[in-house]
Amino acid sequence: MLPKAGRRFFYAVARGRETGVFATWDQCSKVVNGFAGAKYKKFDDRGAAEAF
């Protein structure tokens, strides 16, 4: 299922090779995949992602 056109998501990484908020899953996956104990979550609101 594809997201609605124009809908944006933000990917917050609290524990990974790099931490922060990423605009795409591709960017996020590069810092969490293969990282033991990675902690990350998808948000539809940037403020909520930054607070994670």
C-alpha atoms as a PDB file:
ATOM      1  CA  MET A   1       0.000   0.000   0.000  1.00  0.00           C
ATOM      2  CA  LEU A   2       1.465   3.327  -1.046  1.00  0.00           C
ATOM      3  CA  PRO A   3       1.119   6.468   1.076  1.00  0.00           C
ATOM      4  CA  LYS A   4      -1.254   9.192  -0.088  1.00  0.00           C
ATOM      5  CA  ALA A   5       0.299  11.602  -2.569  1.00  0.00           C
ATOM      6  CA  GLY A   6       2.086  14.449  -0.837  1.00  0.00           C
ATOM      7  CA  ARG A   7       2.208  12.712   2.538  1.00  0.00           C
ATOM      8  CA  ARG A   8       5.597  12.982   4.227  1.00  0.00           C
ATOM      9  CA  PHE A   9       7.119  10.867   6.920  1.00  0.00           C
ATOM     10  CA  PHE A  10      10.035  11.475   9.248  1.00  0.00           C
ATOM     11  CA  TYR A  11      12.252   8.712  10.593  1.00  0.00           C
ATOM     12  CA  ALA A  12      13.749   9.331  14.034  1.00  0.00           C
ATOM     13  CA  VAL A  13      16.824   7.370  15.079  1.00  0.00           C
ATOM     14  CA  ALA A  14      17.665   7.391  18.790  1.00  0.00           C
ATOM     15  CA  ARG A  15      20.259   4.608  18.564  1.00  0.00           C
ATOM     16  CA  GLY A  16      22.142   3.711  15.391  1.00  0.00           C
ATOM     17  CA  ARG A  17      25.352   4.465  13.483  1.00  0.00           C
ATOM     18  CA  GLU A  18      24.084   8.049  13.381  1.00  0.00           C
ATOM     19  CA  THR A  19      21.204   9.651  15.316  1.00  0.00           C
ATOM     20  CA  GLY A  20      18.723  12.285  14.232  1.00  0.00           C
ATOM     21  CA  VAL A  21      15.673  12.747  12.030  1.00  0.00           C
ATOM     22  CA  PHE A  22      15.790  11.502   8.444  1.00  0.00           C
ATOM     23  CA  ALA A  23      13.463  12.426   5.584  1.00  0.00           C
ATOM     24  CA  THR A  24      13.469   9.034   3.832  1.00  0.00           C
ATOM     25  CA  TRP A  25      13.491   5.380   4.805  1.00  0.00           C
ATOM     26  CA  ASP A  26      16.517   4.907   2.542  1.00  0.00           C
ATOM     27  CA  GLN A  27      18.539   7.371   4.642  1.00  0.00           C
ATOM     28  CA  CYS A  28      17.282   5.877   7.901  1.00  0.00           C
ATOM     29  CA  SER A  29      17.870   2.257   6.929  1.00  0.00           C
ATOM     30  CA  LYS A  30      21.524   2.972   6.165  1.00  0.00           C
ATOM     31  CA  VAL A  31      22.168   3.943   9.798  1.00  0.00           C
ATOM     32  CA  VAL A  32      20.015   1.277  11.513  1.00  0.00           C
ATOM     33  CA  ASN A  33      20.207  -1.905   9.405  1.00  0.00           C
ATOM     34  CA  GLY A  34      22.786  -4.262  10.868  1.00  0.00           C
ATOM     35  CA  PHE A  35      23.188  -2.106  13.994  1.00  0.00           C
ATOM     36  CA  ALA A  36      22.542  -4.241  17.090  1.00  0.00           C
ATOM     37  CA  GLY A  37      20.017  -2.582  19.397  1.00  0.00           C
ATOM     38  CA  ALA A  38      18.955   0.096  16.914  1.00  0.00           C
ATOM     39  CA  LYS A  39      16.053   2.246  18.114  1.00  0.00           C
ATOM     40  CA  TYR A  40      14.035   4.094  15.479  1.00  0.00           C
ATOM     41  CA  LYS A  41      10.469   5.030  14.630  1.00  0.00           C
ATOM     42  CA  LYS A  42       8.453   6.537  11.765  1.00  0.00           C
ATOM     43  CA  PHE A  43       6.403   9.689  12.379  1.00  0.00           C
ATOM     44  CA  ASP A  44       4.123  11.855  10.268  1.00  0.00           C
ATOM     45  CA  ASP A  45       5.050  14.948  12.312  1.00  0.00           C
ATOM     46  CA  ARG A  46       8.593  16.352  12.437  1.00  0.00           C
ATOM     47  CA  GLY A  47       8.157  17.747  15.944  1.00  0.00           C
ATOM     48  CA  ALA A  48       7.172  14.339  17.295  1.00  0.00           C
ATOM     49  CA  ALA A  49      10.144  12.763  15.523  1.00  0.00           C
ATOM     50  CA  GLU A  50      12.521  15.303  17.063  1.00  0.00           C
ATOM     51  CA  ALA A  51      11.078  14.642  20.539  1.00  0.00           C
ATOM     52  CA  PHE A  52      11.603  10.861  20.189  1.00  0.00           C
END
